[in-house]
Amino acid sequence: MPKPLIHRFEEGGRRFAIDPESCFCFECDEISWDVLQYYPFTTVNRIFHELGGKHSLRELSEVIGELEWLRATKSILSPPKMEDLRKQVEGEPGLRLLSVRLPHPAVDAPTTRRGWFGAQGTALHSNKARDVARDAIALLLGRAGSQNDLRIEFLEEETLANVEVLADACTQALRAATLAGKKLTAAVHVSDVKFAKPPVSLEGHAVSVKLEFRDAAHVAEALRVLAKALPEATLARLSKALNPGLEGVSGRIIVRPGHPRFGDVAPELDKADFKIMELDLEGAYVANPQLTPASMLEDLSRTAVYYAQQLLKHRYFRLDPIASLFWRIYDGS
């Protein structure tokens, strides 16, 4: 039998079904549960034959009719849009995202440029980190093709050692993209953030922070504040650095779970007043192959319930990837 299009699951002694594409979820009685074992790949007559000894044909017809009505209203099994199918086979040509790790230390080194016709060379000062950043920006813009929404990320570990170089690189990337007629987001991503005294809820989990820039005006200012917050980091200092209140600047804290007990992470970050948070679940499975979706489900559910409760209380912040899932449910997409 083909892979089911409607996923059935039990929670708290109750039975539910959900369409993973539309995120439409509904509770099932016994007969609906049985019918969904065969629907929609099995013919009606076959369903009657398989379940006729357990349920009446009238009840089976009613359930199938209700499922067909949900399908007709595009609540479940909604057919894909033509433009979505086209995107699957027609990718937009061009480079859209580039991640760069700048070399350390970022210091000037004297070099000599060879002169014309054997003339004495010219002494120059070259900075390898700046050269790599400049080449990366040129590569992204030169290979962007028809892509108009670009992104470049500069990767650092634990601290910001190249503050001025990073500020110049982000500023240069944003200005060059504007001249090229492209929209660009420049980001600085610092992984493996170390805490002076890590909160209990974060023990065993990897923490990183990211500043994103869409305007060149306040790049250096925001990076200097983050650089001061990183040594001997605390949640309070990081929250202030990642919410600078500057136009065109936004920040997020990213937690990659290292074990299944991460249900207290979101409340802890919310208490510290972070506005954008992210649980790196995909990274968790890659970094910790022993983790399984089943072991993560309990605390993921706790986190989703907490987030929903805070939104109902009009306490607004963004918690990815749950925020995007909630939007899909709301939008029916």
C-alpha atoms as a PDB file:
ATOM      1  CA  MET A   1       0.000   0.000   0.000  1.00  0.00           C
ATOM      2  CA  PRO A   2       1.336   3.521  -0.807  1.00  0.00           C
ATOM      3  CA  LYS A   3       2.509   5.787   1.982  1.00  0.00           C
ATOM      4  CA  PRO A   4      -0.568   7.303   3.744  1.00  0.00           C
ATOM      5  CA  LEU A   5      -1.358  10.903   2.797  1.00  0.00           C
ATOM      6  CA  ILE A   6      -3.334  11.423   6.027  1.00  0.00           C
ATOM      7  CA  HIS A   7      -1.287  10.748   9.162  1.00  0.00           C
ATOM      8  CA  ARG A   8      -3.122   9.071  12.051  1.00  0.00           C
ATOM      9  CA  PHE A   9      -1.912   9.367  15.640  1.00  0.00           C
ATOM     10  CA  GLU A  10      -3.126   8.973  19.219  1.00  0.00           C
ATOM     11  CA  GLU A  11      -2.675  11.529  21.979  1.00  0.00           C
ATOM     12  CA  GLY A  12      -4.008  11.278  25.525  1.00  0.00           C
ATOM     13  CA  GLY A  13      -6.206   8.305  24.690  1.00  0.00           C
ATOM     14  CA  ARG A  14      -7.856  10.157  21.775  1.00  0.00           C
ATOM     15  CA  ARG A  15      -7.434   9.537  18.063  1.00  0.00           C
ATOM     16  CA  PHE A  16      -6.524  12.243  15.570  1.00  0.00           C
ATOM     17  CA  ALA A  17      -5.664  12.589  11.891  1.00  0.00           C
ATOM     18  CA  ILE A  18      -3.710  15.344  10.169  1.00  0.00           C
ATOM     19  CA  ASP A  19      -2.887  16.271   6.605  1.00  0.00           C
ATOM     20  CA  PRO A  20       0.858  17.149   6.778  1.00  0.00           C
ATOM     21  CA  GLU A  21       0.568  19.432   3.750  1.00  0.00           C
ATOM     22  CA  SER A  22      -2.371  21.596   4.862  1.00  0.00           C
ATOM     23  CA  CYS A  23      -1.819  21.006   8.627  1.00  0.00           C
ATOM     24  CA  PHE A  24      -5.591  20.415   8.959  1.00  0.00           C
ATOM     25  CA  CYS A  25      -6.128  18.209  12.029  1.00  0.00           C
ATOM     26  CA  PHE A  26      -9.326  16.563  13.222  1.00  0.00           C
ATOM     27  CA  GLU A  27     -10.414  14.042  15.854  1.00  0.00           C
ATOM     28  CA  CYS A  28     -11.510  10.593  14.691  1.00  0.00           C
ATOM     29  CA  ASP A  29     -14.094   8.150  15.945  1.00  0.00           C
ATOM     30  CA  GLU A  30     -13.560   4.427  15.481  1.00  0.00           C
ATOM     31  CA  ILE A  31     -15.096   4.178  12.020  1.00  0.00           C
ATOM     32  CA  SER A  32     -13.216   7.229  10.680  1.00  0.00           C
ATOM     33  CA  TRP A  33      -9.990   5.786  12.062  1.00  0.00           C
ATOM     34  CA  ASP A  34     -10.609   2.524  10.235  1.00  0.00           C
ATOM     35  CA  VAL A  35     -11.593   4.195   6.948  1.00  0.00           C
ATOM     36  CA  LEU A  36      -8.470   6.397   6.948  1.00  0.00           C
ATOM     37  CA  GLN A  37      -6.396   3.231   6.901  1.00  0.00           C
ATOM     38  CA  TYR A  38      -7.495   2.832   3.263  1.00  0.00           C
ATOM     39  CA  TYR A  39      -8.463   6.367   2.142  1.00  0.00           C
ATOM     40  CA  PRO A  40      -7.831   7.814  -0.458  1.00  0.00           C
ATOM     41  CA  PHE A  41      -5.973   5.114  -2.422  1.00  0.00           C
ATOM     42  CA  THR A  42      -8.588   2.366  -2.044  1.00  0.00           C
ATOM     43  CA  THR A  43     -11.866   2.323  -3.986  1.00  0.00           C
ATOM     44  CA  VAL A  44     -15.182   2.711  -2.163  1.00  0.00           C
ATOM     45  CA  ASN A  45     -16.237  -0.836  -3.002  1.00  0.00           C
ATOM     46  CA  ARG A  46     -12.968  -2.171  -1.629  1.00  0.00           C
ATOM     47  CA  ILE A  47     -13.458  -0.206   1.614  1.00  0.00           C
ATOM     48  CA  PHE A  48     -16.978  -1.662   1.872  1.00  0.00           C
ATOM     49  CA  HIS A  49     -15.536  -5.129   1.395  1.00  0.00           C
ATOM     50  CA  GLU A  50     -12.763  -4.688   3.959  1.00  0.00           C
ATOM     51  CA  LEU A  51     -14.813  -2.967   6.676  1.00  0.00           C
ATOM     52  CA  GLY A  52     -18.342  -4.170   5.907  1.00  0.00           C
ATOM     53  CA  GLY A  53     -18.133  -6.880   8.540  1.00  0.00           C
ATOM     54  CA  LYS A  54     -17.283  -4.335  11.260  1.00  0.00           C
ATOM     55  CA  HIS A  55     -19.352  -1.259  10.297  1.00  0.00           C
ATOM     56  CA  SER A  56     -22.616  -0.754   8.430  1.00  0.00           C
ATOM     57  CA  LEU A  57     -22.477   0.318   4.795  1.00  0.00           C
ATOM     58  CA  ARG A  58     -24.557   3.413   5.619  1.00  0.00           C
ATOM     59  CA  GLU A  59     -22.016   4.595   8.232  1.00  0.00           C
ATOM     60  CA  LEU A  60     -19.106   3.873   5.911  1.00  0.00           C
ATOM     61  CA  SER A  61     -20.793   5.890   3.142  1.00  0.00           C
ATOM     62  CA  GLU A  62     -21.316   8.824   5.523  1.00  0.00           C
ATOM     63  CA  VAL A  63     -17.667   8.840   6.620  1.00  0.00           C
ATOM     64  CA  ILE A  64     -16.377   8.626   3.054  1.00  0.00           C
ATOM     65  CA  GLY A  65     -18.759  11.449   2.076  1.00  0.00           C
ATOM     66  CA  GLU A  66     -17.441  13.637   4.916  1.00  0.00           C
ATOM     67  CA  LEU A  67     -13.848  12.985   3.845  1.00  0.00           C
ATOM     68  CA  GLU A  68     -14.713  13.834   0.248  1.00  0.00           C
ATOM     69  CA  TRP A  69     -16.321  17.087   1.436  1.00  0.00           C
ATOM     70  CA  LEU A  70     -13.122  18.002   3.335  1.00  0.00           C
ATOM     71  CA  ARG A  71     -11.196  17.216   0.171  1.00  0.00           C
ATOM     72  CA  ALA A  72     -13.520  19.340  -1.990  1.00  0.00           C
ATOM     73  CA  THR A  73     -13.070  22.314   0.361  1.00  0.00           C
ATOM     74  CA  LYS A  74      -9.277  21.802   0.135  1.00  0.00           C
ATOM     75  CA  SER A  75      -8.987  21.209   3.874  1.00  0.00           C
ATOM     76  CA  ILE A  76      -7.247  17.912   3.154  1.00  0.00           C
ATOM     77  CA  LEU A  77      -5.448  16.492   0.122  1.00  0.00           C
ATOM     78  CA  SER A  78      -5.382  19.850  -1.628  1.00  0.00           C
ATOM     79  CA  PRO A  79      -3.948  19.496  -5.163  1.00  0.00           C
ATOM     80  CA  PRO A  80      -0.609  21.295  -5.637  1.00  0.00           C
ATOM     81  CA  LYS A  81      -0.636  24.599  -7.493  1.00  0.00           C
ATOM     82  CA  MET A  82       0.829  24.666 -10.971  1.00  0.00           C
ATOM     83  CA  GLU A  83       3.394  27.288  -9.997  1.00  0.00           C
ATOM     84  CA  ASP A  84       4.573  25.077  -7.110  1.00  0.00           C
ATOM     85  CA  LEU A  85       4.963  22.108  -9.452  1.00  0.00           C
ATOM     86  CA  ARG A  86       6.846  24.316 -11.883  1.00  0.00           C
ATOM     87  CA  LYS A  87       9.243  25.451  -9.172  1.00  0.00           C
ATOM     88  CA  GLN A  88      10.090  21.824  -8.404  1.00  0.00           C
ATOM     89  CA  VAL A  89      11.441  21.299 -11.899  1.00  0.00           C
ATOM     90  CA  GLU A  90      12.465  24.833 -12.850  1.00  0.00           C
ATOM     91  CA  GLY A  91      14.919  26.201 -10.318  1.00  0.00           C
ATOM     92  CA  GLU A  92      15.841  29.861 -10.485  1.00  0.00           C
ATOM     93  CA  PRO A  93      19.393  30.061 -11.845  1.00  0.00           C
ATOM     94  CA  GLY A  94      22.024  31.891  -9.859  1.00  0.00           C
ATOM     95  CA  LEU A  95      23.737  31.930  -6.476  1.00  0.00           C
ATOM     96  CA  ARG A  96      21.485  33.127  -3.633  1.00  0.00           C
ATOM     97  CA  LEU A  97      23.270  32.263  -0.359  1.00  0.00           C
ATOM     98  CA  LEU A  98      26.940  32.287   0.555  1.00  0.00           C
ATOM     99  CA  SER A  99      28.504  31.459   3.938  1.00  0.00           C
ATOM    100  CA  VAL A 100      32.056  32.589   4.647  1.00  0.00           C
ATOM    101  CA  ARG A 101      34.470  31.899   7.505  1.00  0.00           C
ATOM    102  CA  LEU A 102      37.100  34.645   7.564  1.00  0.00           C
ATOM    103  CA  PRO A 103      40.697  33.712   8.420  1.00  0.00           C
ATOM    104  CA  HIS A 104      42.306  34.682  11.724  1.00  0.00           C
ATOM    105  CA  PRO A 105      44.046  36.800  12.783  1.00  0.00           C
ATOM    106  CA  ALA A 106      42.779  39.722  10.726  1.00  0.00           C
ATOM    107  CA  VAL A 107      45.993  41.771  10.648  1.00  0.00           C
ATOM    108  CA  ASP A 108      47.668  43.696   7.868  1.00  0.00           C
ATOM    109  CA  ALA A 109      50.654  42.010   6.232  1.00  0.00           C
ATOM    110  CA  PRO A 110      53.154  43.836   4.005  1.00  0.00           C
ATOM    111  CA  THR A 111      53.304  42.697   0.397  1.00  0.00           C
ATOM    112  CA  THR A 112      55.048  44.050  -2.688  1.00  0.00           C
ATOM    113  CA  ARG A 113      53.300  44.559  -5.998  1.00  0.00           C
ATOM    114  CA  ARG A 114      55.538  43.980  -8.997  1.00  0.00           C
ATOM    115  CA  GLY A 115      56.154  47.099 -11.090  1.00  0.00           C
ATOM    116  CA  TRP A 116      55.832  47.533 -14.854  1.00  0.00           C
ATOM    117  CA  PHE A 117      58.772  46.530 -17.087  1.00  0.00           C
ATOM    118  CA  GLY A 118      60.953  45.446 -14.214  1.00  0.00           C
ATOM    119  CA  ALA A 119      60.501  48.644 -12.263  1.00  0.00           C
ATOM    120  CA  GLN A 120      60.746  48.542  -8.503  1.00  0.00           C
ATOM    121  CA  GLY A 121      57.583  47.165  -6.901  1.00  0.00           C
ATOM    122  CA  THR A 122      55.173  49.126  -4.746  1.00  0.00           C
ATOM    123  CA  ALA A 123      54.915  48.246  -1.046  1.00  0.00           C
ATOM    124  CA  LEU A 124      51.325  47.482   0.015  1.00  0.00           C
ATOM    125  CA  HIS A 125      49.573  46.327   3.147  1.00  0.00           C
ATOM    126  CA  SER A 126      47.240  43.386   2.573  1.00  0.00           C
ATOM    127  CA  ASN A 127      44.671  41.967   4.990  1.00  0.00           C
ATOM    128  CA  LYS A 128      43.756  38.375   4.175  1.00  0.00           C
ATOM    129  CA  ALA A 129      40.412  38.505   6.004  1.00  0.00           C
ATOM    130  CA  ARG A 130      39.377  41.626   4.109  1.00  0.00           C
ATOM    131  CA  ASP A 131      40.532  40.072   0.837  1.00  0.00           C
ATOM    132  CA  VAL A 132      38.460  36.931   1.449  1.00  0.00           C
ATOM    133  CA  ALA A 133      35.389  39.010   2.366  1.00  0.00           C
ATOM    134  CA  ARG A 134      35.774  41.191  -0.732  1.00  0.00           C
ATOM    135  CA  ASP A 135      36.164  38.141  -2.982  1.00  0.00           C
ATOM    136  CA  ALA A 136      33.125  36.469  -1.409  1.00  0.00           C
ATOM    137  CA  ILE A 137      30.955  39.537  -2.057  1.00  0.00           C
ATOM    138  CA  ALA A 138      32.174  39.701  -5.651  1.00  0.00           C
ATOM    139  CA  LEU A 139      31.449  35.989  -6.100  1.00  0.00           C
ATOM    140  CA  LEU A 140      27.904  36.278  -4.734  1.00  0.00           C
ATOM    141  CA  LEU A 141      26.978  39.308  -6.821  1.00  0.00           C
ATOM    142  CA  GLY A 142      28.776  38.024  -9.892  1.00  0.00           C
ATOM    143  CA  ARG A 143      27.031  34.631  -9.805  1.00  0.00           C
ATOM    144  CA  ALA A 144      23.616  35.827  -8.578  1.00  0.00           C
ATOM    145  CA  GLY A 145      22.109  35.684 -12.053  1.00  0.00           C
ATOM    146  CA  SER A 146      18.340  36.192 -11.883  1.00  0.00           C
ATOM    147  CA  GLN A 147      18.272  35.902  -8.082  1.00  0.00           C
ATOM    148  CA  ASN A 148      17.190  39.194  -6.504  1.00  0.00           C
ATOM    149  CA  ASP A 149      16.975  38.323  -2.790  1.00  0.00           C
ATOM    150  CA  LEU A 150      20.514  37.471  -1.696  1.00  0.00           C
ATOM    151  CA  ARG A 151      22.118  36.546   1.614  1.00  0.00           C
ATOM    152  CA  ILE A 152      25.724  36.439   2.815  1.00  0.00           C
ATOM    153  CA  GLU A 153      26.698  35.080   6.247  1.00  0.00           C
ATOM    154  CA  PHE A 154      30.023  35.543   7.995  1.00  0.00           C
ATOM    155  CA  LEU A 155      30.734  32.721  10.466  1.00  0.00           C
ATOM    156  CA  GLU A 156      32.571  33.145  13.769  1.00  0.00           C
ATOM    157  CA  GLU A 157      33.101  30.937  16.839  1.00  0.00           C
ATOM    158  CA  GLU A 158      32.626  31.909  20.507  1.00  0.00           C
ATOM    159  CA  THR A 159      33.598  35.578  20.110  1.00  0.00           C
ATOM    160  CA  LEU A 160      33.814  38.358  17.537  1.00  0.00           C
ATOM    161  CA  ALA A 161      37.532  38.750  16.862  1.00  0.00           C
ATOM    162  CA  ASN A 162      37.155  40.656  13.583  1.00  0.00           C
ATOM    163  CA  VAL A 163      34.644  43.332  14.555  1.00  0.00           C
ATOM    164  CA  GLU A 164      35.917  46.100  12.294  1.00  0.00           C
ATOM    165  CA  VAL A 165      36.619  43.741   9.398  1.00  0.00           C
ATOM    166  CA  LEU A 166      33.146  42.203   9.714  1.00  0.00           C
ATOM    167  CA  ALA A 167      31.533  45.644   9.911  1.00  0.00           C
ATOM    168  CA  ASP A 168      33.361  46.767   6.777  1.00  0.00           C
ATOM    169  CA  ALA A 169      32.475  43.529   4.961  1.00  0.00           C
ATOM    170  CA  CYS A 170      28.756  43.734   5.789  1.00  0.00           C
ATOM    171  CA  THR A 171      28.658  47.418   4.860  1.00  0.00           C
ATOM    172  CA  GLN A 172      30.460  46.791   1.591  1.00  0.00           C
ATOM    173  CA  ALA A 173      28.132  43.875   0.725  1.00  0.00           C
ATOM    174  CA  LEU A 174      24.992  45.914   1.380  1.00  0.00           C
ATOM    175  CA  ARG A 175      26.181  48.910  -0.636  1.00  0.00           C
ATOM    176  CA  ALA A 176      27.446  46.785  -3.522  1.00  0.00           C
ATOM    177  CA  ALA A 177      24.123  44.920  -3.680  1.00  0.00           C
ATOM    178  CA  THR A 178      22.230  48.210  -3.806  1.00  0.00           C
ATOM    179  CA  LEU A 179      24.363  49.372  -6.715  1.00  0.00           C
ATOM    180  CA  ALA A 180      23.725  46.039  -8.468  1.00  0.00           C
ATOM    181  CA  GLY A 181      19.951  46.399  -8.021  1.00  0.00           C
ATOM    182  CA  LYS A 182      19.712  43.450  -5.602  1.00  0.00           C
ATOM    183  CA  LYS A 183      18.180  43.028  -2.162  1.00  0.00           C
ATOM    184  CA  LEU A 184      20.706  41.579   0.273  1.00  0.00           C
ATOM    185  CA  THR A 185      20.786  40.531   3.906  1.00  0.00           C
ATOM    186  CA  ALA A 186      24.215  40.432   5.538  1.00  0.00           C
ATOM    187  CA  ALA A 187      24.486  38.316   8.683  1.00  0.00           C
ATOM    188  CA  VAL A 188      27.115  37.555  11.311  1.00  0.00           C
ATOM    189  CA  HIS A 189      26.636  34.142  12.949  1.00  0.00           C
ATOM    190  CA  VAL A 190      28.574  33.336  16.136  1.00  0.00           C
ATOM    191  CA  SER A 191      28.435  29.665  17.154  1.00  0.00           C
ATOM    192  CA  ASP A 192      29.382  27.883  20.405  1.00  0.00           C
ATOM    193  CA  VAL A 193      28.620  30.831  22.656  1.00  0.00           C
ATOM    194  CA  LYS A 194      30.082  30.298  26.143  1.00  0.00           C
ATOM    195  CA  PHE A 195      28.277  31.467  29.275  1.00  0.00           C
ATOM    196  CA  ALA A 196      29.826  32.692  32.491  1.00  0.00           C
ATOM    197  CA  LYS A 197      27.258  30.572  34.314  1.00  0.00           C
ATOM    198  CA  PRO A 198      25.000  28.660  31.930  1.00  0.00           C
ATOM    199  CA  PRO A 199      21.326  28.441  32.935  1.00  0.00           C
ATOM    200  CA  VAL A 200      20.189  24.948  33.902  1.00  0.00           C
ATOM    201  CA  SER A 201      17.724  24.884  31.000  1.00  0.00           C
ATOM    202  CA  LEU A 202      20.573  25.358  28.488  1.00  0.00           C
ATOM    203  CA  GLU A 203      22.955  22.751  29.877  1.00  0.00           C
ATOM    204  CA  GLY A 204      23.895  20.211  27.234  1.00  0.00           C
ATOM    205  CA  HIS A 205      22.587  22.372  24.388  1.00  0.00           C
ATOM    206  CA  ALA A 206      24.636  24.387  21.872  1.00  0.00           C
ATOM    207  CA  VAL A 207      23.881  28.114  21.703  1.00  0.00           C
ATOM    208  CA  SER A 208      24.665  30.501  18.864  1.00  0.00           C
ATOM    209  CA  VAL A 209      23.628  34.055  18.039  1.00  0.00           C
ATOM    210  CA  LYS A 210      23.063  35.873  14.780  1.00  0.00           C
ATOM    211  CA  LEU A 211      22.807  39.534  13.793  1.00  0.00           C
ATOM    212  CA  GLU A 212      21.153  40.331  10.464  1.00  0.00           C
ATOM    213  CA  PHE A 213      21.537  43.609   8.581  1.00  0.00           C
ATOM    214  CA  ARG A 214      19.379  45.034   5.798  1.00  0.00           C
ATOM    215  CA  ASP A 215      20.790  48.545   6.040  1.00  0.00           C
ATOM    216  CA  ALA A 216      24.409  49.683   6.318  1.00  0.00           C
ATOM    217  CA  ALA A 217      23.791  52.583   8.703  1.00  0.00           C
ATOM    218  CA  HIS A 218      24.187  50.785  12.052  1.00  0.00           C
ATOM    219  CA  VAL A 219      26.279  47.717  11.238  1.00  0.00           C
ATOM    220  CA  ALA A 220      29.411  48.673  13.174  1.00  0.00           C
ATOM    221  CA  GLU A 221      27.459  49.915  16.212  1.00  0.00           C
ATOM    222  CA  ALA A 222      25.442  46.692  16.524  1.00  0.00           C
ATOM    223  CA  LEU A 223      28.498  44.459  16.104  1.00  0.00           C
ATOM    224  CA  ARG A 224      30.468  46.327  18.771  1.00  0.00           C
ATOM    225  CA  VAL A 225      27.627  45.871  21.281  1.00  0.00           C
ATOM    226  CA  LEU A 226      27.459  42.136  20.510  1.00  0.00           C
ATOM    227  CA  ALA A 227      31.265  41.795  20.777  1.00  0.00           C
ATOM    228  CA  LYS A 228      31.162  43.261  24.284  1.00  0.00           C
ATOM    229  CA  ALA A 229      28.367  40.881  25.325  1.00  0.00           C
ATOM    230  CA  LEU A 230      30.004  37.655  24.164  1.00  0.00           C
ATOM    231  CA  PRO A 231      32.925  37.192  26.580  1.00  0.00           C
ATOM    232  CA  GLU A 232      31.460  35.764  29.792  1.00  0.00           C
ATOM    233  CA  ALA A 233      28.022  35.911  28.180  1.00  0.00           C
ATOM    234  CA  THR A 234      24.761  36.067  30.105  1.00  0.00           C
ATOM    235  CA  LEU A 235      21.231  35.841  28.747  1.00  0.00           C
ATOM    236  CA  ALA A 236      20.510  39.409  29.855  1.00  0.00           C
ATOM    237  CA  ARG A 237      23.535  40.830  27.993  1.00  0.00           C
ATOM    238  CA  LEU A 238      22.823  38.777  24.873  1.00  0.00           C
ATOM    239  CA  SER A 239      19.170  39.797  24.870  1.00  0.00           C
ATOM    240  CA  LYS A 240      20.135  43.459  24.941  1.00  0.00           C
ATOM    241  CA  ALA A 241      22.731  42.987  22.180  1.00  0.00           C
ATOM    242  CA  LEU A 242      20.330  41.068  19.920  1.00  0.00           C
ATOM    243  CA  ASN A 243      17.522  43.603  20.377  1.00  0.00           C
ATOM    244  CA  PRO A 244      19.449  46.830  19.705  1.00  0.00           C
ATOM    245  CA  GLY A 245      16.441  48.832  18.515  1.00  0.00           C
ATOM    246  CA  LEU A 246      18.357  50.013  15.451  1.00  0.00           C
ATOM    247  CA  GLU A 247      16.729  50.388  12.057  1.00  0.00           C
ATOM    248  CA  GLY A 248      17.615  47.607   9.644  1.00  0.00           C
ATOM    249  CA  VAL A 249      19.127  45.408  12.381  1.00  0.00           C
ATOM    250  CA  SER A 250      17.619  42.277  13.933  1.00  0.00           C
ATOM    251  CA  GLY A 251      19.082  39.491  16.036  1.00  0.00           C
ATOM    252  CA  ARG A 252      18.172  35.981  17.080  1.00  0.00           C
ATOM    253  CA  ILE A 253      19.396  33.366  19.503  1.00  0.00           C
ATOM    254  CA  ILE A 254      19.628  29.801  18.217  1.00  0.00           C
ATOM    255  CA  VAL A 255      19.617  26.726  20.451  1.00  0.00           C
ATOM    256  CA  ARG A 256      20.568  23.339  19.055  1.00  0.00           C
ATOM    257  CA  PRO A 257      19.230  20.667  21.427  1.00  0.00           C
ATOM    258  CA  GLY A 258      21.837  18.186  22.591  1.00  0.00           C
ATOM    259  CA  HIS A 259      19.339  15.905  24.349  1.00  0.00           C
ATOM    260  CA  PRO A 260      15.548  15.426  24.393  1.00  0.00           C
ATOM    261  CA  ARG A 261      14.956  17.553  27.502  1.00  0.00           C
ATOM    262  CA  PHE A 262      14.694  21.029  25.995  1.00  0.00           C
ATOM    263  CA  GLY A 263      11.153  21.961  27.056  1.00  0.00           C
ATOM    264  CA  ASP A 264      12.370  24.708  29.430  1.00  0.00           C
ATOM    265  CA  VAL A 265      14.520  26.482  26.811  1.00  0.00           C
ATOM    266  CA  ALA A 266      11.766  28.662  25.316  1.00  0.00           C
ATOM    267  CA  PRO A 267      10.381  29.829  28.710  1.00  0.00           C
ATOM    268  CA  GLU A 268      13.925  30.704  29.834  1.00  0.00           C
ATOM    269  CA  LEU A 269      14.621  32.733  26.687  1.00  0.00           C
ATOM    270  CA  ASP A 270      11.201  34.384  26.875  1.00  0.00           C
ATOM    271  CA  LYS A 271      11.908  35.365  30.471  1.00  0.00           C
ATOM    272  CA  ALA A 272      15.138  37.019  29.278  1.00  0.00           C
ATOM    273  CA  ASP A 273      13.053  38.980  26.713  1.00  0.00           C
ATOM    274  CA  PHE A 274      14.508  37.618  23.477  1.00  0.00           C
ATOM    275  CA  LYS A 275      12.296  38.632  20.552  1.00  0.00           C
ATOM    276  CA  ILE A 276      13.441  36.058  17.977  1.00  0.00           C
ATOM    277  CA  MET A 277      14.399  32.515  19.009  1.00  0.00           C
ATOM    278  CA  GLU A 278      15.110  29.388  17.029  1.00  0.00           C
ATOM    279  CA  LEU A 279      15.326  25.700  17.876  1.00  0.00           C
ATOM    280  CA  ASP A 280      17.753  24.112  15.426  1.00  0.00           C
ATOM    281  CA  LEU A 281      16.084  20.695  15.289  1.00  0.00           C
ATOM    282  CA  GLU A 282      17.642  19.616  12.001  1.00  0.00           C
ATOM    283  CA  GLY A 283      21.095  20.465  13.328  1.00  0.00           C
ATOM    284  CA  ALA A 284      20.331  18.521  16.511  1.00  0.00           C
ATOM    285  CA  TYR A 285      19.774  15.290  14.579  1.00  0.00           C
ATOM    286  CA  VAL A 286      22.960  15.817  12.549  1.00  0.00           C
ATOM    287  CA  ALA A 287      25.154  16.639  15.561  1.00  0.00           C
ATOM    288  CA  ASN A 288      23.584  13.940  17.761  1.00  0.00           C
ATOM    289  CA  PRO A 289      22.708  10.897  15.622  1.00  0.00           C
ATOM    290  CA  GLN A 290      21.417   9.057  18.684  1.00  0.00           C
ATOM    291  CA  LEU A 291      18.444  11.442  18.931  1.00  0.00           C
ATOM    292  CA  THR A 292      15.171  10.244  17.434  1.00  0.00           C
ATOM    293  CA  PRO A 293      12.017  12.210  16.550  1.00  0.00           C
ATOM    294  CA  ALA A 294      10.063  10.093  19.027  1.00  0.00           C
ATOM    295  CA  SER A 295      12.363  11.051  21.911  1.00  0.00           C
ATOM    296  CA  MET A 296      12.098  14.761  21.004  1.00  0.00           C
ATOM    297  CA  LEU A 297       8.319  14.817  20.603  1.00  0.00           C
ATOM    298  CA  GLU A 298       7.361  15.350  24.261  1.00  0.00           C
ATOM    299  CA  ASP A 299       9.396  18.497  24.808  1.00  0.00           C
ATOM    300  CA  LEU A 300       8.664  19.797  21.303  1.00  0.00           C
ATOM    301  CA  SER A 301       4.963  19.510  22.160  1.00  0.00           C
ATOM    302  CA  ARG A 302       5.558  21.310  25.477  1.00  0.00           C
ATOM    303  CA  THR A 303       7.343  24.103  23.647  1.00  0.00           C
ATOM    304  CA  ALA A 304       4.562  24.489  21.074  1.00  0.00           C
ATOM    305  CA  VAL A 305       1.898  24.615  23.808  1.00  0.00           C
ATOM    306  CA  TYR A 306       3.882  27.229  25.744  1.00  0.00           C
ATOM    307  CA  TYR A 307       4.310  29.366  22.626  1.00  0.00           C
ATOM    308  CA  ALA A 308       0.592  29.157  21.830  1.00  0.00           C
ATOM    309  CA  GLN A 309      -0.316  30.150  25.386  1.00  0.00           C
ATOM    310  CA  GLN A 310       1.984  33.192  25.257  1.00  0.00           C
ATOM    311  CA  LEU A 311       0.484  34.315  21.943  1.00  0.00           C
ATOM    312  CA  LEU A 312      -3.014  34.007  23.396  1.00  0.00           C
ATOM    313  CA  LYS A 313      -1.853  36.291  26.219  1.00  0.00           C
ATOM    314  CA  HIS A 314      -0.729  38.824  23.559  1.00  0.00           C
ATOM    315  CA  ARG A 315       2.936  38.305  24.432  1.00  0.00           C
ATOM    316  CA  TYR A 316       4.454  38.380  20.988  1.00  0.00           C
ATOM    317  CA  PHE A 317       7.817  36.971  19.997  1.00  0.00           C
ATOM    318  CA  ARG A 318       8.981  34.632  17.245  1.00  0.00           C
ATOM    319  CA  LEU A 319       9.924  31.024  17.967  1.00  0.00           C
ATOM    320  CA  ASP A 320      11.070  29.093  14.904  1.00  0.00           C
ATOM    321  CA  PRO A 321      10.293  26.588  13.490  1.00  0.00           C
ATOM    322  CA  ILE A 322       7.010  26.553  15.431  1.00  0.00           C
ATOM    323  CA  ALA A 323       6.046  30.071  14.296  1.00  0.00           C
ATOM    324  CA  SER A 324       6.153  29.066  10.629  1.00  0.00           C
ATOM    325  CA  LEU A 325       4.086  25.942  11.405  1.00  0.00           C
ATOM    326  CA  PHE A 326       1.448  28.040  13.199  1.00  0.00           C
ATOM    327  CA  TRP A 327       1.300  30.381  10.210  1.00  0.00           C
ATOM    328  CA  ARG A 328       0.760  27.484   7.812  1.00  0.00           C
ATOM    329  CA  ILE A 329      -2.082  26.219   9.984  1.00  0.00           C
ATOM    330  CA  TYR A 330      -3.647  29.685  10.148  1.00  0.00           C
ATOM    331  CA  ASP A 331      -3.175  30.336   6.435  1.00  0.00           C
ATOM    332  CA  GLY A 332      -4.175  26.831   5.363  1.00  0.00           C
ATOM    333  CA  SER A 333      -1.056  26.540   3.234  1.00  0.00           C
END
